[in-house]
């Protein structure tokens, strides 16, 4: 008995979706094994090491800067600025290396570049979220800063961070594949990011015309929104949610288009 065309289409779609999920799951497990499986402690150490490093830096800076620009706890002020920056840097850097890391696997027809990007994003996003929970949990439980959390604004800051990291990482995934020197150039261009992303200061303290230039750094808006979620009395009027989203959308679409169009040609060379 012949199968109805509509049922046949649904079965093929269902099979493809299961194949995609299996491919993504296998890629996540492969990355955990190859990246973290050979080091002592494995994946657990990958979480504890950056968490301990950020916590130590937070405590050291809190000794040197006893009066933060906002509130009374420099540890919380610093963490609210550094954590989004570190999440953006880590995820975007890992996504930029996706094609090179999975070059051999992309020869299989069942695995696409999108599967590899999604797998890398899932693993590194979950890793970063666990690091953030450890650092913020330590500060809120043991240091007990006076604060009222606005979870909606904190959630928006995280969504903007993820969107921006995915966009920049996807575009750089193509650029580093097409132009290997771009990886070194991008690394050099990003070195001042730690100093110009409002990690140690607030945007309002920067005089003009420098504040006008600083506004075009999307991380500045994310840091301001994150601090708005930790400090209810802080009103960062300069923050634009639309600007980081626009940058994220444009870079994501450009990266996906270029990878879809050219990645096979470049890999076959």
C-alpha atoms as a PDB file:
ATOM      1  CA  UNK A   1       0.000   0.000   0.000  1.00  0.00           C
ATOM      2  CA  UNK A   2       1.600   3.331  -1.060  1.00  0.00           C
ATOM      3  CA  UNK A   3       2.342   5.895   1.647  1.00  0.00           C
ATOM      4  CA  UNK A   4       0.549   9.218   1.385  1.00  0.00           C
ATOM      5  CA  UNK A   5       3.007  11.943   0.207  1.00  0.00           C
ATOM      6  CA  UNK A   6       2.246  14.124   3.227  1.00  0.00           C
ATOM      7  CA  UNK A   7       2.987  11.240   5.639  1.00  0.00           C
ATOM      8  CA  UNK A   8       6.159  10.420   3.735  1.00  0.00           C
ATOM      9  CA  UNK A   9       7.324  14.041   4.030  1.00  0.00           C
ATOM     10  CA  UNK A  10       6.653  14.060   7.780  1.00  0.00           C
ATOM     11  CA  UNK A  11       8.556  10.784   8.233  1.00  0.00           C
ATOM     12  CA  UNK A  12      11.576  12.143   6.355  1.00  0.00           C
ATOM     13  CA  UNK A  13      11.490  15.353   8.401  1.00  0.00           C
ATOM     14  CA  UNK A  14      11.223  13.353  11.630  1.00  0.00           C
ATOM     15  CA  UNK A  15      14.159  11.160  10.607  1.00  0.00           C
ATOM     16  CA  UNK A  16      16.298  14.185   9.711  1.00  0.00           C
ATOM     17  CA  UNK A  17      15.554  15.891  13.030  1.00  0.00           C
ATOM     18  CA  UNK A  18      16.554  12.762  14.962  1.00  0.00           C
ATOM     19  CA  UNK A  19      19.730  12.458  12.892  1.00  0.00           C
ATOM     20  CA  UNK A  20      20.557  16.106  13.620  1.00  0.00           C
ATOM     21  CA  UNK A  21      20.029  15.654  17.368  1.00  0.00           C
ATOM     22  CA  UNK A  22      22.186  12.515  17.379  1.00  0.00           C
ATOM     23  CA  UNK A  23      24.925  14.327  15.441  1.00  0.00           C
ATOM     24  CA  UNK A  24      24.885  17.292  17.839  1.00  0.00           C
ATOM     25  CA  UNK A  25      24.958  14.992  20.875  1.00  0.00           C
ATOM     26  CA  UNK A  26      27.867  13.022  19.427  1.00  0.00           C
ATOM     27  CA  UNK A  27      29.778  16.223  18.675  1.00  0.00           C
ATOM     28  CA  UNK A  28      29.266  17.492  22.241  1.00  0.00           C
ATOM     29  CA  UNK A  29      30.563  14.202  23.685  1.00  0.00           C
ATOM     30  CA  UNK A  30      33.504  14.233  21.257  1.00  0.00           C
ATOM     31  CA  UNK A  31      34.497  17.743  22.293  1.00  0.00           C
ATOM     32  CA  UNK A  32      34.289  16.888  25.998  1.00  0.00           C
ATOM     33  CA  UNK A  33      36.508  13.858  25.402  1.00  0.00           C
ATOM     34  CA  UNK A  34      39.079  15.487  23.129  1.00  0.00           C
ATOM     35  CA  UNK A  35      39.275  18.855  24.897  1.00  0.00           C
ATOM     36  CA  UNK A  36      38.885  17.900  28.557  1.00  0.00           C
ATOM     37  CA  UNK A  37      39.370  14.140  28.691  1.00  0.00           C
ATOM     38  CA  UNK A  38      43.167  14.216  28.854  1.00  0.00           C
ATOM     39  CA  UNK A  39      43.577  16.719  31.687  1.00  0.00           C
ATOM     40  CA  UNK A  40      43.391  15.816  35.412  1.00  0.00           C
ATOM     41  CA  UNK A  41      39.853  16.368  36.608  1.00  0.00           C
ATOM     42  CA  UNK A  42      38.572  16.528  33.038  1.00  0.00           C
ATOM     43  CA  UNK A  43      35.502  18.661  32.442  1.00  0.00           C
ATOM     44  CA  UNK A  44      35.080  19.525  36.140  1.00  0.00           C
ATOM     45  CA  UNK A  45      38.440  21.302  36.109  1.00  0.00           C
ATOM     46  CA  UNK A  46      37.316  23.259  33.023  1.00  0.00           C
ATOM     47  CA  UNK A  47      34.563  24.724  35.212  1.00  0.00           C
ATOM     48  CA  UNK A  48      36.482  25.187  38.445  1.00  0.00           C
ATOM     49  CA  UNK A  49      39.605  26.757  36.916  1.00  0.00           C
ATOM     50  CA  UNK A  50      37.959  29.876  35.392  1.00  0.00           C
ATOM     51  CA  UNK A  51      35.576  30.136  38.358  1.00  0.00           C
ATOM     52  CA  UNK A  52      38.500  30.117  40.801  1.00  0.00           C
ATOM     53  CA  UNK A  53      40.448  32.570  38.629  1.00  0.00           C
ATOM     54  CA  UNK A  54      37.590  35.072  38.413  1.00  0.00           C
ATOM     55  CA  UNK A  55      36.849  34.707  42.123  1.00  0.00           C
ATOM     56  CA  UNK A  56      40.503  35.320  43.004  1.00  0.00           C
ATOM     57  CA  UNK A  57      40.723  38.370  40.744  1.00  0.00           C
ATOM     58  CA  UNK A  58      37.479  39.677  42.219  1.00  0.00           C
ATOM     59  CA  UNK A  59      38.814  39.372  45.754  1.00  0.00           C
ATOM     60  CA  UNK A  60      42.191  40.926  44.855  1.00  0.00           C
ATOM     61  CA  UNK A  61      40.619  43.921  43.129  1.00  0.00           C
ATOM     62  CA  UNK A  62      38.111  44.338  45.949  1.00  0.00           C
ATOM     63  CA  UNK A  63      41.059  44.908  48.318  1.00  0.00           C
ATOM     64  CA  UNK A  64      42.606  47.562  46.070  1.00  0.00           C
ATOM     65  CA  UNK A  65      39.316  49.255  45.201  1.00  0.00           C
ATOM     66  CA  UNK A  66      37.365  49.414  48.424  1.00  0.00           C
ATOM     67  CA  UNK A  67      34.899  52.016  47.145  1.00  0.00           C
ATOM     68  CA  UNK A  68      33.260  50.877  43.899  1.00  0.00           C
ATOM     69  CA  UNK A  69      31.387  53.293  41.617  1.00  0.00           C
ATOM     70  CA  UNK A  70      28.144  51.499  42.552  1.00  0.00           C
ATOM     71  CA  UNK A  71      27.134  50.021  45.894  1.00  0.00           C
ATOM     72  CA  UNK A  72      29.532  48.988  48.639  1.00  0.00           C
ATOM     73  CA  UNK A  73      30.905  45.691  47.288  1.00  0.00           C
ATOM     74  CA  UNK A  74      33.591  45.947  44.645  1.00  0.00           C
ATOM     75  CA  UNK A  75      33.439  42.165  44.229  1.00  0.00           C
ATOM     76  CA  UNK A  76      29.836  42.349  43.008  1.00  0.00           C
ATOM     77  CA  UNK A  77      30.520  45.426  40.863  1.00  0.00           C
ATOM     78  CA  UNK A  78      33.522  43.769  39.210  1.00  0.00           C
ATOM     79  CA  UNK A  79      31.766  40.416  38.714  1.00  0.00           C
ATOM     80  CA  UNK A  80      28.759  42.086  37.067  1.00  0.00           C
ATOM     81  CA  UNK A  81      31.117  43.569  34.473  1.00  0.00           C
ATOM     82  CA  UNK A  82      33.666  40.795  33.938  1.00  0.00           C
ATOM     83  CA  UNK A  83      31.299  37.813  33.757  1.00  0.00           C
ATOM     84  CA  UNK A  84      29.410  38.934  30.607  1.00  0.00           C
ATOM     85  CA  UNK A  85      32.710  39.873  28.965  1.00  0.00           C
ATOM     86  CA  UNK A  86      34.260  36.492  29.761  1.00  0.00           C
ATOM     87  CA  UNK A  87      31.166  34.641  28.495  1.00  0.00           C
ATOM     88  CA  UNK A  88      31.184  36.607  25.244  1.00  0.00           C
ATOM     89  CA  UNK A  89      34.929  36.087  24.745  1.00  0.00           C
ATOM     90  CA  UNK A  90      34.870  32.365  25.498  1.00  0.00           C
ATOM     91  CA  UNK A  91      31.834  31.446  23.383  1.00  0.00           C
ATOM     92  CA  UNK A  92      32.762  33.631  20.398  1.00  0.00           C
ATOM     93  CA  UNK A  93      36.355  32.342  20.407  1.00  0.00           C
ATOM     94  CA  UNK A  94      35.277  28.689  20.573  1.00  0.00           C
ATOM     95  CA  UNK A  95      32.700  29.167  17.808  1.00  0.00           C
ATOM     96  CA  UNK A  96      35.313  30.868  15.618  1.00  0.00           C
ATOM     97  CA  UNK A  97      37.430  27.694  15.793  1.00  0.00           C
ATOM     98  CA  UNK A  98      34.545  25.320  15.015  1.00  0.00           C
ATOM     99  CA  UNK A  99      35.246  24.518  11.363  1.00  0.00           C
ATOM    100  CA  UNK A 100      38.945  23.860  11.953  1.00  0.00           C
ATOM    101  CA  UNK A 101      38.172  21.720  15.010  1.00  0.00           C
ATOM    102  CA  UNK A 102      35.568  19.613  13.175  1.00  0.00           C
ATOM    103  CA  UNK A 103      37.156  19.703   9.717  1.00  0.00           C
ATOM    104  CA  UNK A 104      37.506  15.907   9.477  1.00  0.00           C
ATOM    105  CA  UNK A 105      33.930  15.250  10.600  1.00  0.00           C
ATOM    106  CA  UNK A 106      32.430  17.697   8.110  1.00  0.00           C
ATOM    107  CA  UNK A 107      33.380  15.326   5.291  1.00  0.00           C
ATOM    108  CA  UNK A 108      30.509  13.078   6.426  1.00  0.00           C
ATOM    109  CA  UNK A 109      27.214  14.010   4.721  1.00  0.00           C
ATOM    110  CA  UNK A 110      25.220  13.541   7.955  1.00  0.00           C
ATOM    111  CA  UNK A 111      27.170  16.266   9.779  1.00  0.00           C
ATOM    112  CA  UNK A 112      26.802  19.885   8.765  1.00  0.00           C
ATOM    113  CA  UNK A 113      28.667  22.992   9.846  1.00  0.00           C
ATOM    114  CA  UNK A 114      25.492  24.083  11.673  1.00  0.00           C
ATOM    115  CA  UNK A 115      25.549  20.889  13.776  1.00  0.00           C
ATOM    116  CA  UNK A 116      29.146  21.623  14.741  1.00  0.00           C
ATOM    117  CA  UNK A 117      28.339  25.242  15.646  1.00  0.00           C
ATOM    118  CA  UNK A 118      25.327  24.258  17.759  1.00  0.00           C
ATOM    119  CA  UNK A 119      27.280  21.536  19.589  1.00  0.00           C
ATOM    120  CA  UNK A 120      30.129  23.893  20.437  1.00  0.00           C
ATOM    121  CA  UNK A 121      27.718  26.570  21.564  1.00  0.00           C
ATOM    122  CA  UNK A 122      25.758  24.225  23.855  1.00  0.00           C
ATOM    123  CA  UNK A 123      28.865  22.896  25.597  1.00  0.00           C
ATOM    124  CA  UNK A 124      30.554  26.255  26.126  1.00  0.00           C
ATOM    125  CA  UNK A 125      27.356  28.058  27.109  1.00  0.00           C
ATOM    126  CA  UNK A 126      26.582  25.469  29.795  1.00  0.00           C
ATOM    127  CA  UNK A 127      30.189  25.642  30.987  1.00  0.00           C
ATOM    128  CA  UNK A 128      30.063  29.422  31.284  1.00  0.00           C
ATOM    129  CA  UNK A 129      26.711  29.357  33.091  1.00  0.00           C
ATOM    130  CA  UNK A 130      28.112  26.955  35.682  1.00  0.00           C
ATOM    131  CA  UNK A 131      31.129  29.239  36.149  1.00  0.00           C
ATOM    132  CA  UNK A 132      28.820  32.215  36.628  1.00  0.00           C
ATOM    133  CA  UNK A 133      26.667  30.344  39.166  1.00  0.00           C
ATOM    134  CA  UNK A 134      29.767  29.453  41.190  1.00  0.00           C
ATOM    135  CA  UNK A 135      31.214  32.996  41.153  1.00  0.00           C
ATOM    136  CA  UNK A 136      27.965  34.849  41.841  1.00  0.00           C
ATOM    137  CA  UNK A 137      26.889  32.250  44.392  1.00  0.00           C
ATOM    138  CA  UNK A 138      30.163  32.695  46.262  1.00  0.00           C
ATOM    139  CA  UNK A 139      29.788  36.496  46.287  1.00  0.00           C
ATOM    140  CA  UNK A 140      26.119  36.544  47.302  1.00  0.00           C
ATOM    141  CA  UNK A 141      26.387  33.810  49.966  1.00  0.00           C
ATOM    142  CA  UNK A 142      29.738  34.548  51.592  1.00  0.00           C
ATOM    143  CA  UNK A 143      30.274  38.288  51.003  1.00  0.00           C
ATOM    144  CA  UNK A 144      26.569  39.144  51.431  1.00  0.00           C
ATOM    145  CA  UNK A 145      26.473  42.440  49.502  1.00  0.00           C
ATOM    146  CA  UNK A 146      23.427  44.646  49.943  1.00  0.00           C
ATOM    147  CA  UNK A 147      21.529  44.184  46.678  1.00  0.00           C
ATOM    148  CA  UNK A 148      18.140  43.395  45.198  1.00  0.00           C
ATOM    149  CA  UNK A 149      18.285  41.267  42.069  1.00  0.00           C
ATOM    150  CA  UNK A 150      16.158  42.105  39.034  1.00  0.00           C
ATOM    151  CA  UNK A 151      16.112  38.744  37.262  1.00  0.00           C
ATOM    152  CA  UNK A 152      14.415  40.088  34.136  1.00  0.00           C
ATOM    153  CA  UNK A 153      17.242  42.553  33.440  1.00  0.00           C
ATOM    154  CA  UNK A 154      19.916  39.998  34.329  1.00  0.00           C
ATOM    155  CA  UNK A 155      18.234  37.545  31.956  1.00  0.00           C
ATOM    156  CA  UNK A 156      18.136  40.153  29.195  1.00  0.00           C
ATOM    157  CA  UNK A 157      21.849  40.827  29.693  1.00  0.00           C
ATOM    158  CA  UNK A 158      22.616  37.129  29.340  1.00  0.00           C
ATOM    159  CA  UNK A 159      20.480  36.844  26.199  1.00  0.00           C
ATOM    160  CA  UNK A 160      22.287  39.807  24.633  1.00  0.00           C
ATOM    161  CA  UNK A 161      25.650  38.299  25.586  1.00  0.00           C
ATOM    162  CA  UNK A 162      24.776  34.957  24.014  1.00  0.00           C
ATOM    163  CA  UNK A 163      23.335  36.556  20.865  1.00  0.00           C
ATOM    164  CA  UNK A 164      26.413  38.744  20.370  1.00  0.00           C
ATOM    165  CA  UNK A 165      28.819  35.853  21.026  1.00  0.00           C
ATOM    166  CA  UNK A 166      26.990  33.632  18.534  1.00  0.00           C
ATOM    167  CA  UNK A 167      26.974  36.355  15.888  1.00  0.00           C
ATOM    168  CA  UNK A 168      30.639  37.330  16.194  1.00  0.00           C
ATOM    169  CA  UNK A 169      31.708  33.701  16.600  1.00  0.00           C
ATOM    170  CA  UNK A 170      29.767  32.537  13.529  1.00  0.00           C
ATOM    171  CA  UNK A 171      31.151  35.298  11.324  1.00  0.00           C
ATOM    172  CA  UNK A 172      34.700  34.726  12.600  1.00  0.00           C
ATOM    173  CA  UNK A 173      34.261  31.008  11.952  1.00  0.00           C
ATOM    174  CA  UNK A 174      34.091  31.820   8.256  1.00  0.00           C
ATOM    175  CA  UNK A 175      36.734  34.556   8.319  1.00  0.00           C
ATOM    176  CA  UNK A 176      39.324  32.375  10.081  1.00  0.00           C
ATOM    177  CA  UNK A 177      38.559  29.580   7.622  1.00  0.00           C
ATOM    178  CA  UNK A 178      38.891  31.801   4.551  1.00  0.00           C
ATOM    179  CA  UNK A 179      41.722  33.987   5.897  1.00  0.00           C
ATOM    180  CA  UNK A 180      43.829  32.154   8.550  1.00  0.00           C
ATOM    181  CA  UNK A 181      45.638  35.391   9.484  1.00  0.00           C
ATOM    182  CA  UNK A 182      42.304  36.806  10.691  1.00  0.00           C
ATOM    183  CA  UNK A 183      42.497  34.740  13.886  1.00  0.00           C
ATOM    184  CA  UNK A 184      45.718  36.494  14.917  1.00  0.00           C
ATOM    185  CA  UNK A 185      44.449  39.905  13.812  1.00  0.00           C
ATOM    186  CA  UNK A 186      41.189  39.497  15.734  1.00  0.00           C
ATOM    187  CA  UNK A 187      43.077  38.428  18.849  1.00  0.00           C
ATOM    188  CA  UNK A 188      45.186  41.600  18.677  1.00  0.00           C
ATOM    189  CA  UNK A 189      42.137  43.807  18.092  1.00  0.00           C
ATOM    190  CA  UNK A 190      40.389  42.327  21.145  1.00  0.00           C
ATOM    191  CA  UNK A 191      43.210  42.836  23.642  1.00  0.00           C
ATOM    192  CA  UNK A 192      41.988  46.301  24.741  1.00  0.00           C
ATOM    193  CA  UNK A 193      38.441  44.939  25.196  1.00  0.00           C
ATOM    194  CA  UNK A 194      39.065  44.317  28.900  1.00  0.00           C
ATOM    195  CA  UNK A 195      39.847  48.021  29.380  1.00  0.00           C
ATOM    196  CA  UNK A 196      37.074  49.532  27.238  1.00  0.00           C
ATOM    197  CA  UNK A 197      34.085  47.414  28.327  1.00  0.00           C
ATOM    198  CA  UNK A 198      33.242  49.217  31.597  1.00  0.00           C
ATOM    199  CA  UNK A 199      34.604  46.422  33.784  1.00  0.00           C
ATOM    200  CA  UNK A 200      36.307  48.743  36.330  1.00  0.00           C
ATOM    201  CA  UNK A 201      34.194  51.851  35.824  1.00  0.00           C
ATOM    202  CA  UNK A 202      30.750  52.963  34.727  1.00  0.00           C
ATOM    203  CA  UNK A 203      29.955  54.562  31.403  1.00  0.00           C
ATOM    204  CA  UNK A 204      28.763  57.807  32.985  1.00  0.00           C
ATOM    205  CA  UNK A 205      32.243  58.515  34.373  1.00  0.00           C
ATOM    206  CA  UNK A 206      33.812  58.676  30.905  1.00  0.00           C
ATOM    207  CA  UNK A 207      34.063  62.259  29.563  1.00  0.00           C
ATOM    208  CA  UNK A 208      33.109  63.272  26.066  1.00  0.00           C
ATOM    209  CA  UNK A 209      34.048  62.770  23.299  1.00  0.00           C
ATOM    210  CA  UNK A 210      35.436  59.415  24.515  1.00  0.00           C
ATOM    211  CA  UNK A 211      32.052  58.285  25.829  1.00  0.00           C
ATOM    212  CA  UNK A 212      30.590  58.802  22.341  1.00  0.00           C
ATOM    213  CA  UNK A 213      33.157  56.387  20.916  1.00  0.00           C
ATOM    214  CA  UNK A 214      32.765  53.953  23.803  1.00  0.00           C
ATOM    215  CA  UNK A 215      29.020  53.735  23.172  1.00  0.00           C
ATOM    216  CA  UNK A 216      29.664  51.737  20.001  1.00  0.00           C
ATOM    217  CA  UNK A 217      31.144  48.867  22.014  1.00  0.00           C
ATOM    218  CA  UNK A 218      28.140  46.514  22.436  1.00  0.00           C
ATOM    219  CA  UNK A 219      29.668  44.941  25.566  1.00  0.00           C
ATOM    220  CA  UNK A 220      29.293  48.323  27.303  1.00  0.00           C
ATOM    221  CA  UNK A 221      25.514  48.111  26.896  1.00  0.00           C
ATOM    222  CA  UNK A 222      25.455  44.541  28.205  1.00  0.00           C
ATOM    223  CA  UNK A 223      27.561  45.446  31.250  1.00  0.00           C
ATOM    224  CA  UNK A 224      25.285  48.402  31.981  1.00  0.00           C
ATOM    225  CA  UNK A 225      22.159  46.251  31.709  1.00  0.00           C
ATOM    226  CA  UNK A 226      23.696  43.560  33.926  1.00  0.00           C
ATOM    227  CA  UNK A 227      24.567  46.113  36.613  1.00  0.00           C
ATOM    228  CA  UNK A 228      21.080  47.539  36.321  1.00  0.00           C
ATOM    229  CA  UNK A 229      19.879  44.086  37.361  1.00  0.00           C
ATOM    230  CA  UNK A 230      22.081  44.086  40.483  1.00  0.00           C
ATOM    231  CA  UNK A 231      21.665  47.719  41.513  1.00  0.00           C
ATOM    232  CA  UNK A 232      18.001  48.864  41.562  1.00  0.00           C
ATOM    233  CA  UNK A 233      19.019  52.506  42.091  1.00  0.00           C
ATOM    234  CA  UNK A 234      21.234  52.507  38.973  1.00  0.00           C
ATOM    235  CA  UNK A 235      19.534  53.933  35.866  1.00  0.00           C
ATOM    236  CA  UNK A 236      21.838  53.490  32.828  1.00  0.00           C
ATOM    237  CA  UNK A 237      19.984  55.644  30.319  1.00  0.00           C
ATOM    238  CA  UNK A 238      22.685  55.068  27.703  1.00  0.00           C
ATOM    239  CA  UNK A 239      21.888  51.337  27.424  1.00  0.00           C
ATOM    240  CA  UNK A 240      20.358  50.274  24.118  1.00  0.00           C
ATOM    241  CA  UNK A 241      19.061  46.717  23.792  1.00  0.00           C
ATOM    242  CA  UNK A 242      18.440  47.198  20.073  1.00  0.00           C
ATOM    243  CA  UNK A 243      22.080  48.022  19.248  1.00  0.00           C
ATOM    244  CA  UNK A 244      23.730  44.764  20.483  1.00  0.00           C
ATOM    245  CA  UNK A 245      20.816  42.805  18.994  1.00  0.00           C
ATOM    246  CA  UNK A 246      21.307  44.493  15.629  1.00  0.00           C
ATOM    247  CA  UNK A 247      25.044  43.710  15.674  1.00  0.00           C
ATOM    248  CA  UNK A 248      24.278  40.110  16.672  1.00  0.00           C
ATOM    249  CA  UNK A 249      21.635  39.670  13.961  1.00  0.00           C
ATOM    250  CA  UNK A 250      23.778  41.120  11.167  1.00  0.00           C
ATOM    251  CA  UNK A 251      26.890  39.119  12.067  1.00  0.00           C
ATOM    252  CA  UNK A 252      24.901  35.886  12.520  1.00  0.00           C
ATOM    253  CA  UNK A 253      23.155  36.201   9.159  1.00  0.00           C
ATOM    254  CA  UNK A 254      26.381  37.159   7.397  1.00  0.00           C
ATOM    255  CA  UNK A 255      28.309  34.295   9.006  1.00  0.00           C
ATOM    256  CA  UNK A 256      25.668  31.661   8.235  1.00  0.00           C
ATOM    257  CA  UNK A 257      25.298  32.858   4.646  1.00  0.00           C
ATOM    258  CA  UNK A 258      29.050  32.845   3.985  1.00  0.00           C
ATOM    259  CA  UNK A 259      29.572  29.453   5.653  1.00  0.00           C
ATOM    260  CA  UNK A 260      26.673  27.904   3.768  1.00  0.00           C
ATOM    261  CA  UNK A 261      27.929  29.294   0.465  1.00  0.00           C
ATOM    262  CA  UNK A 262      31.692  28.854   0.703  1.00  0.00           C
ATOM    263  CA  UNK A 263      32.775  26.471   3.489  1.00  0.00           C
ATOM    264  CA  UNK A 264      32.745  23.376   1.255  1.00  0.00           C
ATOM    265  CA  UNK A 265      34.785  25.116  -1.434  1.00  0.00           C
ATOM    266  CA  UNK A 266      37.398  26.210   1.100  1.00  0.00           C
ATOM    267  CA  UNK A 267      37.574  22.794   2.805  1.00  0.00           C
ATOM    268  CA  UNK A 268      37.996  21.001  -0.527  1.00  0.00           C
ATOM    269  CA  UNK A 269      41.034  23.092  -1.467  1.00  0.00           C
END
